[in-house]
Amino acid sequence: MRRYQSVGLGLAALGVAALAGCGEPDATVTSPAEPTTPIEAAAPVSATYVCDSGLTVAVAYPDPQSAQVTYKDRTWVMRLAPAASGARYVNAEVEWRTVTREGEESATLSRLGATEDAGTVVLERCRRPGVSALPVTPVPTVEPAPAGSIQASAPCKGPQLKLSRVGGDAGAGNRVSILGVQNVGTRPCSLTGYPSITLEDPEGDALAAVRSDRTLGSYLRPGQTPGPVELAPQGLGFFDIAWNVVPDESAGRTTCPSVARIRMTAPGDTSPVTLAQAFTPCGGRIRISPFRTVAEPEPAA
């Protein structure tokens, strides 16, 4: 309707100019801008990619099945789609595809043709600096403290702990949730090694089909062996839970289990601490890091 009003006003202006004998140029009629998702309404940015053109692409993942891709002040809302490798998101106009090879994550933004599978034109080729694939390593052992070293505080127990989500990261179909473990008691305590994690479905039943694999180090600092983490009263320790969100369709799977809560038990304890967190781990496994003293990557301010 606005375009027709603009045209009508332009014709009226021409008629007035002709009667007045003025030689002013015709009014320019512009097409309205294509509708976009307002950037301020988008989910928080989870990853930023640098493209060959020098421009950047910002991506947010509001839920396991969708992505919001922002490029040149335009935001597209896309849904997860089947892919032979990596992760692929599409809508009626564009495709966003990410893949990790030899430890480096790359991505392409393409405009779709008549169908989702044909006639794509690559708009940008990008990469995500400083991000590598999530490590998967054999189960490590916790080495005892050397003789004569300072002894750690008493081990932390469930009643003096509180679990919270303090940050996360995402890319190439992988997700990482950084969890904080707070000492809400009145005495110092220590955490050494790995938490024991049980995932619960919305009905409160344990998801026995999803196993927990232990990894050395954190998401950004792989390879580090576990060590004691001292928690003063109100102090925080951290660990990661990492998972994949792309179903293995080659094995006939189109959906992944739904998690509603995380139940954590400290090493050597039997009293669990729970946290409500909804996510869908694919592939039948999650990856758990050891306890550490800092949140990496640090949560956005």
C-alpha atoms as a PDB file:
ATOM      1  CA  MET A   1       0.000   0.000   0.000  1.00  0.00           C
ATOM      2  CA  ARG A   2       2.856   2.403   0.827  1.00  0.00           C
ATOM      3  CA  ARG A   3       4.361   1.910  -2.642  1.00  0.00           C
ATOM      4  CA  TYR A   4       1.092   2.827  -4.374  1.00  0.00           C
ATOM      5  CA  GLN A   5       0.732   5.934  -2.183  1.00  0.00           C
ATOM      6  CA  SER A   6       4.281   6.985  -3.153  1.00  0.00           C
ATOM      7  CA  VAL A   7       3.466   6.597  -6.856  1.00  0.00           C
ATOM      8  CA  GLY A   8       0.251   8.604  -6.499  1.00  0.00           C
ATOM      9  CA  LEU A   9       2.012  11.432  -4.719  1.00  0.00           C
ATOM     10  CA  GLY A  10       4.699  11.478  -7.406  1.00  0.00           C
ATOM     11  CA  LEU A  11       2.106  11.807 -10.202  1.00  0.00           C
ATOM     12  CA  ALA A  12       0.353  14.589  -8.352  1.00  0.00           C
ATOM     13  CA  ALA A  13       3.638  16.438  -7.940  1.00  0.00           C
ATOM     14  CA  LEU A  14       4.305  16.144 -11.698  1.00  0.00           C
ATOM     15  CA  GLY A  15       0.896  17.611 -12.489  1.00  0.00           C
ATOM     16  CA  VAL A  16       1.456  20.608 -10.233  1.00  0.00           C
ATOM     17  CA  ALA A  17       4.908  21.202 -11.739  1.00  0.00           C
ATOM     18  CA  ALA A  18       3.496  21.132 -15.280  1.00  0.00           C
ATOM     19  CA  LEU A  19       0.785  23.722 -14.456  1.00  0.00           C
ATOM     20  CA  ALA A  20       3.297  25.989 -12.778  1.00  0.00           C
ATOM     21  CA  GLY A  21       5.685  25.749 -15.743  1.00  0.00           C
ATOM     22  CA  CYS A  22       8.588  24.650 -13.541  1.00  0.00           C
ATOM     23  CA  GLY A  23      11.321  22.344 -14.840  1.00  0.00           C
ATOM     24  CA  GLU A  24      11.878  20.361 -11.616  1.00  0.00           C
ATOM     25  CA  PRO A  25      12.907  16.684 -12.053  1.00  0.00           C
ATOM     26  CA  ASP A  26      10.462  13.851 -11.478  1.00  0.00           C
ATOM     27  CA  ALA A  27      10.166  12.499  -7.933  1.00  0.00           C
ATOM     28  CA  THR A  28      12.055   9.223  -7.421  1.00  0.00           C
ATOM     29  CA  VAL A  29       9.959   6.220  -6.412  1.00  0.00           C
ATOM     30  CA  THR A  30      11.899   3.721  -4.269  1.00  0.00           C
ATOM     31  CA  SER A  31      10.991   0.148  -3.467  1.00  0.00           C
ATOM     32  CA  PRO A  32      10.523  -0.747   0.177  1.00  0.00           C
ATOM     33  CA  ALA A  33      13.369  -2.601   1.903  1.00  0.00           C
ATOM     34  CA  GLU A  34      13.107  -6.341   2.186  1.00  0.00           C
ATOM     35  CA  PRO A  35      11.743  -7.436   5.569  1.00  0.00           C
ATOM     36  CA  THR A  36      14.363  -8.588   8.059  1.00  0.00           C
ATOM     37  CA  THR A  37      14.496  -9.819  11.597  1.00  0.00           C
ATOM     38  CA  PRO A  38      15.455  -6.815  13.778  1.00  0.00           C
ATOM     39  CA  ILE A  39      18.949  -7.336  15.143  1.00  0.00           C
ATOM     40  CA  GLU A  40      17.908  -6.219  18.617  1.00  0.00           C
ATOM     41  CA  ALA A  41      15.315  -9.042  18.640  1.00  0.00           C
ATOM     42  CA  ALA A  42      17.847 -11.727  17.742  1.00  0.00           C
ATOM     43  CA  ALA A  43      19.279 -14.203  20.230  1.00  0.00           C
ATOM     44  CA  PRO A  44      22.728 -13.445  21.753  1.00  0.00           C
ATOM     45  CA  VAL A  45      25.554 -14.040  19.270  1.00  0.00           C
ATOM     46  CA  SER A  46      27.211 -17.416  19.848  1.00  0.00           C
ATOM     47  CA  ALA A  47      29.908 -17.250  17.157  1.00  0.00           C
ATOM     48  CA  THR A  48      31.474 -14.717  14.786  1.00  0.00           C
ATOM     49  CA  TYR A  49      33.071 -15.711  11.466  1.00  0.00           C
ATOM     50  CA  VAL A  50      35.563 -13.671   9.394  1.00  0.00           C
ATOM     51  CA  CYS A  51      34.965 -13.905   5.629  1.00  0.00           C
ATOM     52  CA  ASP A  52      37.305 -13.650   2.639  1.00  0.00           C
ATOM     53  CA  SER A  53      35.750 -10.296   1.745  1.00  0.00           C
ATOM     54  CA  GLY A  54      36.756  -8.819   5.103  1.00  0.00           C
ATOM     55  CA  LEU A  55      33.156  -8.747   6.345  1.00  0.00           C
ATOM     56  CA  THR A  56      31.866 -10.842   9.246  1.00  0.00           C
ATOM     57  CA  VAL A  57      28.933 -13.170   9.847  1.00  0.00           C
ATOM     58  CA  ALA A  58      27.446 -13.394  13.356  1.00  0.00           C
ATOM     59  CA  VAL A  59      25.486 -16.511  14.293  1.00  0.00           C
ATOM     60  CA  ALA A  60      23.187 -17.182  17.255  1.00  0.00           C
ATOM     61  CA  TYR A  61      21.612 -20.503  18.195  1.00  0.00           C
ATOM     62  CA  PRO A  62      18.371 -19.821  20.133  1.00  0.00           C
ATOM     63  CA  ASP A  63      17.569 -23.543  20.271  1.00  0.00           C
ATOM     64  CA  PRO A  64      19.081 -26.838  19.008  1.00  0.00           C
ATOM     65  CA  GLN A  65      17.064 -26.795  15.752  1.00  0.00           C
ATOM     66  CA  SER A  66      17.550 -23.199  14.528  1.00  0.00           C
ATOM     67  CA  ALA A  67      20.119 -20.491  13.848  1.00  0.00           C
ATOM     68  CA  GLN A  68      19.969 -16.717  13.381  1.00  0.00           C
ATOM     69  CA  VAL A  69      22.560 -15.574  10.842  1.00  0.00           C
ATOM     70  CA  THR A  70      23.386 -11.846  10.573  1.00  0.00           C
ATOM     71  CA  TYR A  71      25.246 -10.488   7.548  1.00  0.00           C
ATOM     72  CA  LYS A  72      25.372  -6.887   6.249  1.00  0.00           C
ATOM     73  CA  ASP A  73      22.716  -5.721   8.759  1.00  0.00           C
ATOM     74  CA  ARG A  74      20.374  -8.491   7.592  1.00  0.00           C
ATOM     75  CA  THR A  75      19.311 -11.335   9.896  1.00  0.00           C
ATOM     76  CA  TRP A  76      17.902 -14.622   8.593  1.00  0.00           C
ATOM     77  CA  VAL A  77      16.153 -17.181  10.764  1.00  0.00           C
ATOM     78  CA  MET A  78      17.043 -20.706   9.572  1.00  0.00           C
ATOM     79  CA  ARG A  79      16.176 -24.275  10.502  1.00  0.00           C
ATOM     80  CA  LEU A  80      18.507 -27.258  10.829  1.00  0.00           C
ATOM     81  CA  ALA A  81      18.573 -29.327   7.618  1.00  0.00           C
ATOM     82  CA  PRO A  82      20.141 -32.682   6.622  1.00  0.00           C
ATOM     83  CA  ALA A  83      23.816 -32.519   5.656  1.00  0.00           C
ATOM     84  CA  ALA A  84      26.374 -35.093   4.534  1.00  0.00           C
ATOM     85  CA  SER A  85      28.901 -33.537   6.934  1.00  0.00           C
ATOM     86  CA  GLY A  86      29.025 -30.661   9.392  1.00  0.00           C
ATOM     87  CA  ALA A  87      25.916 -28.602  10.141  1.00  0.00           C
ATOM     88  CA  ARG A  88      23.506 -27.027   7.641  1.00  0.00           C
ATOM     89  CA  TYR A  89      20.765 -24.432   8.213  1.00  0.00           C
ATOM     90  CA  VAL A  90      18.370 -23.120   5.536  1.00  0.00           C
ATOM     91  CA  ASN A  91      15.333 -20.945   4.923  1.00  0.00           C
ATOM     92  CA  ALA A  92      13.549 -19.975   1.694  1.00  0.00           C
ATOM     93  CA  GLU A  93      16.405 -17.660   0.606  1.00  0.00           C
ATOM     94  CA  VAL A  94      19.779 -18.688   1.968  1.00  0.00           C
ATOM     95  CA  GLU A  95      21.869 -21.542   3.351  1.00  0.00           C
ATOM     96  CA  TRP A  96      24.420 -21.455   6.169  1.00  0.00           C
ATOM     97  CA  ARG A  97      26.781 -24.438   6.300  1.00  0.00           C
ATOM     98  CA  THR A  98      29.653 -25.096   8.728  1.00  0.00           C
ATOM     99  CA  VAL A  99      32.232 -27.875   8.788  1.00  0.00           C
ATOM    100  CA  THR A 100      35.377 -28.609  10.804  1.00  0.00           C
ATOM    101  CA  ARG A 101      38.392 -30.110   9.032  1.00  0.00           C
ATOM    102  CA  GLU A 102      41.863 -30.605  10.491  1.00  0.00           C
ATOM    103  CA  GLY A 103      40.938 -28.599  13.557  1.00  0.00           C
ATOM    104  CA  GLU A 104      39.656 -25.479  11.706  1.00  0.00           C
ATOM    105  CA  GLU A 105      36.021 -24.492  11.367  1.00  0.00           C
ATOM    106  CA  SER A 106      34.958 -22.985   8.029  1.00  0.00           C
ATOM    107  CA  ALA A 107      31.570 -21.854   6.768  1.00  0.00           C
ATOM    108  CA  THR A 108      29.758 -20.702   3.623  1.00  0.00           C
ATOM    109  CA  LEU A 109      26.778 -18.402   3.221  1.00  0.00           C
ATOM    110  CA  SER A 110      24.921 -19.125  -0.032  1.00  0.00           C
ATOM    111  CA  ARG A 111      21.796 -17.885  -1.772  1.00  0.00           C
ATOM    112  CA  LEU A 112      19.437 -20.687  -2.752  1.00  0.00           C
ATOM    113  CA  GLY A 113      17.997 -21.203  -6.201  1.00  0.00           C
ATOM    114  CA  ALA A 114      14.641 -22.737  -7.104  1.00  0.00           C
ATOM    115  CA  THR A 115      15.069 -25.528  -4.536  1.00  0.00           C
ATOM    116  CA  GLU A 116      17.088 -26.062  -1.372  1.00  0.00           C
ATOM    117  CA  ASP A 117      19.444 -28.430  -3.161  1.00  0.00           C
ATOM    118  CA  ALA A 118      20.138 -26.708  -6.494  1.00  0.00           C
ATOM    119  CA  GLY A 119      21.256 -23.386  -7.889  1.00  0.00           C
ATOM    120  CA  THR A 120      23.114 -22.057  -4.843  1.00  0.00           C
ATOM    121  CA  VAL A 121      25.359 -19.022  -5.265  1.00  0.00           C
ATOM    122  CA  VAL A 122      28.075 -18.585  -2.629  1.00  0.00           C
ATOM    123  CA  LEU A 123      27.847 -15.129  -1.047  1.00  0.00           C
ATOM    124  CA  GLU A 124      30.700 -15.529   1.449  1.00  0.00           C
ATOM    125  CA  ARG A 125      33.350 -18.040   2.426  1.00  0.00           C
ATOM    126  CA  CYS A 126      34.278 -17.601   6.077  1.00  0.00           C
ATOM    127  CA  ARG A 127      36.195 -19.146   8.921  1.00  0.00           C
ATOM    128  CA  ARG A 128      35.986 -18.964  12.677  1.00  0.00           C
ATOM    129  CA  PRO A 129      39.343 -17.880  14.122  1.00  0.00           C
ATOM    130  CA  GLY A 130      40.812 -19.795  17.021  1.00  0.00           C
ATOM    131  CA  VAL A 131      38.188 -22.565  17.204  1.00  0.00           C
ATOM    132  CA  SER A 132      38.971 -26.235  16.766  1.00  0.00           C
ATOM    133  CA  ALA A 133      36.956 -29.407  17.007  1.00  0.00           C
ATOM    134  CA  LEU A 134      35.989 -30.604  20.472  1.00  0.00           C
ATOM    135  CA  PRO A 135      38.598 -33.074  21.742  1.00  0.00           C
ATOM    136  CA  VAL A 136      37.695 -36.679  22.434  1.00  0.00           C
ATOM    137  CA  THR A 137      40.364 -38.479  24.465  1.00  0.00           C
ATOM    138  CA  PRO A 138      40.695 -41.683  26.484  1.00  0.00           C
ATOM    139  CA  VAL A 139      39.499 -41.570  30.081  1.00  0.00           C
ATOM    140  CA  PRO A 140      42.371 -39.975  32.030  1.00  0.00           C
ATOM    141  CA  THR A 141      43.458 -40.798  35.551  1.00  0.00           C
ATOM    142  CA  VAL A 142      43.853 -38.330  38.416  1.00  0.00           C
ATOM    143  CA  GLU A 143      47.427 -38.418  39.680  1.00  0.00           C
ATOM    144  CA  PRO A 144      47.947 -38.261  43.460  1.00  0.00           C
ATOM    145  CA  ALA A 145      49.534 -35.150  44.953  1.00  0.00           C
ATOM    146  CA  PRO A 146      53.334 -35.338  45.414  1.00  0.00           C
ATOM    147  CA  ALA A 147      54.638 -36.157  48.863  1.00  0.00           C
ATOM    148  CA  GLY A 148      55.100 -33.082  51.032  1.00  0.00           C
ATOM    149  CA  SER A 149      52.637 -30.943  49.043  1.00  0.00           C
ATOM    150  CA  ILE A 150      49.933 -28.854  50.701  1.00  0.00           C
ATOM    151  CA  GLN A 151      46.894 -30.985  51.379  1.00  0.00           C
ATOM    152  CA  ALA A 152      43.578 -29.895  49.871  1.00  0.00           C
ATOM    153  CA  SER A 153      40.513 -29.068  51.924  1.00  0.00           C
ATOM    154  CA  ALA A 154      37.922 -31.724  52.691  1.00  0.00           C
ATOM    155  CA  PRO A 155      36.087 -32.926  49.578  1.00  0.00           C
ATOM    156  CA  CYS A 156      32.957 -30.965  48.670  1.00  0.00           C
ATOM    157  CA  LYS A 157      29.623 -32.651  49.387  1.00  0.00           C
ATOM    158  CA  GLY A 158      26.254 -32.204  47.669  1.00  0.00           C
ATOM    159  CA  PRO A 159      24.486 -30.262  50.477  1.00  0.00           C
ATOM    160  CA  GLN A 160      27.109 -27.483  50.338  1.00  0.00           C
ATOM    161  CA  LEU A 161      27.088 -27.110  46.532  1.00  0.00           C
ATOM    162  CA  LYS A 162      24.942 -25.178  44.042  1.00  0.00           C
ATOM    163  CA  LEU A 163      24.968 -25.775  40.279  1.00  0.00           C
ATOM    164  CA  SER A 164      24.402 -23.012  37.674  1.00  0.00           C
ATOM    165  CA  ARG A 165      24.961 -22.289  33.983  1.00  0.00           C
ATOM    166  CA  VAL A 166      27.483 -19.468  33.495  1.00  0.00           C
ATOM    167  CA  GLY A 167      28.164 -19.516  29.734  1.00  0.00           C
ATOM    168  CA  GLY A 168      28.660 -21.579  26.620  1.00  0.00           C
ATOM    169  CA  ASP A 169      29.837 -21.760  23.030  1.00  0.00           C
ATOM    170  CA  ALA A 170      28.639 -23.228  19.728  1.00  0.00           C
ATOM    171  CA  GLY A 171      29.885 -24.092  16.263  1.00  0.00           C
ATOM    172  CA  ALA A 172      29.852 -26.745  13.500  1.00  0.00           C
ATOM    173  CA  GLY A 173      26.975 -28.635  15.098  1.00  0.00           C
ATOM    174  CA  ASN A 174      28.695 -28.740  18.507  1.00  0.00           C
ATOM    175  CA  ARG A 175      27.480 -27.109  21.693  1.00  0.00           C
ATOM    176  CA  VAL A 176      29.296 -26.426  24.977  1.00  0.00           C
ATOM    177  CA  SER A 177      27.667 -25.456  28.261  1.00  0.00           C
ATOM    178  CA  ILE A 178      29.903 -24.048  31.011  1.00  0.00           C
ATOM    179  CA  LEU A 179      28.553 -24.968  34.434  1.00  0.00           C
ATOM    180  CA  GLY A 180      29.511 -23.322  37.719  1.00  0.00           C
ATOM    181  CA  VAL A 181      29.764 -25.226  41.014  1.00  0.00           C
ATOM    182  CA  GLN A 182      29.469 -22.880  44.008  1.00  0.00           C
ATOM    183  CA  ASN A 183      30.359 -23.623  47.610  1.00  0.00           C
ATOM    184  CA  VAL A 184      27.329 -22.264  49.486  1.00  0.00           C
ATOM    185  CA  GLY A 185      28.561 -23.723  52.785  1.00  0.00           C
ATOM    186  CA  THR A 186      30.528 -22.035  55.559  1.00  0.00           C
ATOM    187  CA  ARG A 187      33.753 -24.092  55.239  1.00  0.00           C
ATOM    188  CA  PRO A 188      36.248 -24.437  52.375  1.00  0.00           C
ATOM    189  CA  CYS A 189      36.112 -27.627  50.329  1.00  0.00           C
ATOM    190  CA  SER A 190      37.807 -29.050  47.247  1.00  0.00           C
ATOM    191  CA  LEU A 191      36.858 -30.742  43.982  1.00  0.00           C
ATOM    192  CA  THR A 192      39.342 -33.030  42.225  1.00  0.00           C
ATOM    193  CA  GLY A 193      38.774 -34.846  38.960  1.00  0.00           C
ATOM    194  CA  TYR A 194      35.429 -35.150  37.200  1.00  0.00           C
ATOM    195  CA  PRO A 195      31.782 -34.758  38.176  1.00  0.00           C
ATOM    196  CA  SER A 196      29.441 -37.710  37.761  1.00  0.00           C
ATOM    197  CA  ILE A 197      26.650 -36.593  35.424  1.00  0.00           C
ATOM    198  CA  THR A 198      23.188 -38.070  34.921  1.00  0.00           C
ATOM    199  CA  LEU A 199      20.779 -36.584  32.361  1.00  0.00           C
ATOM    200  CA  GLU A 200      17.040 -36.620  33.061  1.00  0.00           C
ATOM    201  CA  ASP A 201      14.184 -36.404  30.565  1.00  0.00           C
ATOM    202  CA  PRO A 202      11.106 -34.148  31.115  1.00  0.00           C
ATOM    203  CA  GLU A 203       9.446 -36.974  33.125  1.00  0.00           C
ATOM    204  CA  GLY A 204      12.407 -37.146  35.520  1.00  0.00           C
ATOM    205  CA  ASP A 205      13.729 -40.481  34.227  1.00  0.00           C
ATOM    206  CA  ALA A 206      17.454 -40.984  33.641  1.00  0.00           C
ATOM    207  CA  LEU A 207      18.567 -41.098  29.993  1.00  0.00           C
ATOM    208  CA  ALA A 208      20.621 -44.265  30.239  1.00  0.00           C
ATOM    209  CA  ALA A 209      21.179 -44.325  26.446  1.00  0.00           C
ATOM    210  CA  VAL A 210      23.389 -41.201  26.646  1.00  0.00           C
ATOM    211  CA  ARG A 211      26.834 -41.963  28.053  1.00  0.00           C
ATOM    212  CA  SER A 212      29.351 -39.501  29.501  1.00  0.00           C
ATOM    213  CA  ASP A 213      32.873 -39.453  28.027  1.00  0.00           C
ATOM    214  CA  ARG A 214      35.644 -37.706  29.961  1.00  0.00           C
ATOM    215  CA  THR A 215      38.083 -35.380  28.175  1.00  0.00           C
ATOM    216  CA  LEU A 216      41.380 -33.896  29.247  1.00  0.00           C
ATOM    217  CA  GLY A 217      41.266 -30.158  29.881  1.00  0.00           C
ATOM    218  CA  SER A 218      38.554 -27.672  28.965  1.00  0.00           C
ATOM    219  CA  TYR A 219      37.062 -26.700  25.598  1.00  0.00           C
ATOM    220  CA  LEU A 220      39.687 -23.964  24.995  1.00  0.00           C
ATOM    221  CA  ARG A 221      42.540 -25.648  26.911  1.00  0.00           C
ATOM    222  CA  PRO A 222      42.562 -29.316  25.912  1.00  0.00           C
ATOM    223  CA  GLY A 223      45.116 -31.769  27.224  1.00  0.00           C
ATOM    224  CA  GLN A 224      45.389 -30.534  30.819  1.00  0.00           C
ATOM    225  CA  THR A 225      45.303 -33.159  33.554  1.00  0.00           C
ATOM    226  CA  PRO A 226      42.829 -32.747  36.425  1.00  0.00           C
ATOM    227  CA  GLY A 227      43.982 -31.100  39.640  1.00  0.00           C
ATOM    228  CA  PRO A 228      42.401 -29.992  42.929  1.00  0.00           C
ATOM    229  CA  VAL A 229      40.088 -26.964  42.791  1.00  0.00           C
ATOM    230  CA  GLU A 230      39.814 -25.182  46.121  1.00  0.00           C
ATOM    231  CA  LEU A 231      36.455 -23.548  46.858  1.00  0.00           C
ATOM    232  CA  ALA A 232      36.294 -20.969  49.627  1.00  0.00           C
ATOM    233  CA  PRO A 233      32.820 -20.230  51.019  1.00  0.00           C
ATOM    234  CA  GLN A 234      30.812 -18.731  48.079  1.00  0.00           C
ATOM    235  CA  GLY A 235      33.684 -19.648  45.748  1.00  0.00           C
ATOM    236  CA  LEU A 236      33.122 -21.064  42.239  1.00  0.00           C
ATOM    237  CA  GLY A 237      34.613 -23.908  40.247  1.00  0.00           C
ATOM    238  CA  PHE A 238      33.715 -24.820  36.663  1.00  0.00           C
ATOM    239  CA  PHE A 239      33.382 -27.708  34.224  1.00  0.00           C
ATOM    240  CA  ASP A 240      32.049 -28.218  30.658  1.00  0.00           C
ATOM    241  CA  ILE A 241      29.373 -30.402  29.138  1.00  0.00           C
ATOM    242  CA  ALA A 242      29.766 -30.682  25.345  1.00  0.00           C
ATOM    243  CA  TRP A 243      27.478 -32.398  22.830  1.00  0.00           C
ATOM    244  CA  ASN A 244      26.501 -32.568  19.159  1.00  0.00           C
ATOM    245  CA  VAL A 245      23.107 -31.441  17.812  1.00  0.00           C
ATOM    246  CA  VAL A 246      23.119 -33.085  14.356  1.00  0.00           C
ATOM    247  CA  PRO A 247      21.176 -36.381  14.169  1.00  0.00           C
ATOM    248  CA  ASP A 248      22.870 -39.332  12.448  1.00  0.00           C
ATOM    249  CA  GLU A 249      20.373 -39.732   9.605  1.00  0.00           C
ATOM    250  CA  SER A 250      22.559 -42.376   7.951  1.00  0.00           C
ATOM    251  CA  ALA A 251      21.644 -44.598  10.918  1.00  0.00           C
ATOM    252  CA  GLY A 252      17.944 -43.755  10.549  1.00  0.00           C
ATOM    253  CA  ARG A 253      17.866 -41.171  13.357  1.00  0.00           C
ATOM    254  CA  THR A 254      16.014 -37.916  12.725  1.00  0.00           C
ATOM    255  CA  THR A 255      15.614 -36.762  16.341  1.00  0.00           C
ATOM    256  CA  CYS A 256      17.746 -36.763  19.480  1.00  0.00           C
ATOM    257  CA  PRO A 257      16.873 -37.351  23.163  1.00  0.00           C
ATOM    258  CA  SER A 258      15.381 -34.406  25.062  1.00  0.00           C
ATOM    259  CA  VAL A 259      17.121 -33.460  28.300  1.00  0.00           C
ATOM    260  CA  ALA A 260      15.302 -31.403  30.924  1.00  0.00           C
ATOM    261  CA  ARG A 261      17.683 -31.569  33.918  1.00  0.00           C
ATOM    262  CA  ILE A 262      21.313 -32.242  34.756  1.00  0.00           C
ATOM    263  CA  ARG A 263      22.122 -34.170  37.938  1.00  0.00           C
ATOM    264  CA  MET A 264      25.711 -33.805  39.185  1.00  0.00           C
ATOM    265  CA  THR A 265      27.436 -35.747  41.951  1.00  0.00           C
ATOM    266  CA  ALA A 266      30.801 -34.569  43.297  1.00  0.00           C
ATOM    267  CA  PRO A 267      33.699 -37.076  43.348  1.00  0.00           C
ATOM    268  CA  GLY A 268      33.433 -39.484  46.250  1.00  0.00           C
ATOM    269  CA  ASP A 269      29.934 -38.293  47.189  1.00  0.00           C
ATOM    270  CA  THR A 270      26.425 -39.715  46.775  1.00  0.00           C
ATOM    271  CA  SER A 271      24.303 -36.543  47.217  1.00  0.00           C
ATOM    272  CA  PRO A 272      23.384 -35.103  43.790  1.00  0.00           C
ATOM    273  CA  VAL A 273      22.876 -31.452  42.848  1.00  0.00           C
ATOM    274  CA  THR A 274      20.409 -30.692  40.027  1.00  0.00           C
ATOM    275  CA  LEU A 275      20.063 -27.949  37.423  1.00  0.00           C
ATOM    276  CA  ALA A 276      17.197 -27.423  34.980  1.00  0.00           C
ATOM    277  CA  GLN A 277      18.636 -27.190  31.441  1.00  0.00           C
ATOM    278  CA  ALA A 278      16.936 -28.241  28.206  1.00  0.00           C
ATOM    279  CA  PHE A 279      19.048 -29.553  25.318  1.00  0.00           C
ATOM    280  CA  THR A 280      19.127 -32.422  22.809  1.00  0.00           C
ATOM    281  CA  PRO A 281      22.410 -34.383  22.689  1.00  0.00           C
ATOM    282  CA  CYS A 282      22.828 -36.466  19.532  1.00  0.00           C
ATOM    283  CA  GLY A 283      25.090 -39.452  18.952  1.00  0.00           C
ATOM    284  CA  GLY A 284      24.376 -41.130  22.293  1.00  0.00           C
ATOM    285  CA  ARG A 285      27.060 -39.314  24.262  1.00  0.00           C
ATOM    286  CA  ILE A 286      28.141 -36.106  25.968  1.00  0.00           C
ATOM    287  CA  ARG A 287      31.670 -35.016  26.856  1.00  0.00           C
ATOM    288  CA  ILE A 288      32.634 -33.928  30.372  1.00  0.00           C
ATOM    289  CA  SER A 289      35.684 -31.847  31.335  1.00  0.00           C
ATOM    290  CA  PRO A 290      37.388 -31.959  34.740  1.00  0.00           C
ATOM    291  CA  PHE A 291      36.763 -29.283  37.357  1.00  0.00           C
ATOM    292  CA  ARG A 292      38.803 -26.100  36.868  1.00  0.00           C
ATOM    293  CA  THR A 293      39.198 -22.689  38.506  1.00  0.00           C
ATOM    294  CA  VAL A 294      38.153 -20.352  35.639  1.00  0.00           C
ATOM    295  CA  ALA A 295      35.241 -20.143  33.168  1.00  0.00           C
ATOM    296  CA  GLU A 296      36.557 -20.579  29.608  1.00  0.00           C
ATOM    297  CA  PRO A 297      35.453 -18.984  27.400  1.00  0.00           C
ATOM    298  CA  GLU A 298      34.460 -16.247  29.815  1.00  0.00           C
ATOM    299  CA  PRO A 299      30.717 -15.400  29.661  1.00  0.00           C
ATOM    300  CA  ALA A 300      29.761 -12.214  27.800  1.00  0.00           C
ATOM    301  CA  ALA A 301      29.152  -9.148  29.988  1.00  0.00           C
END
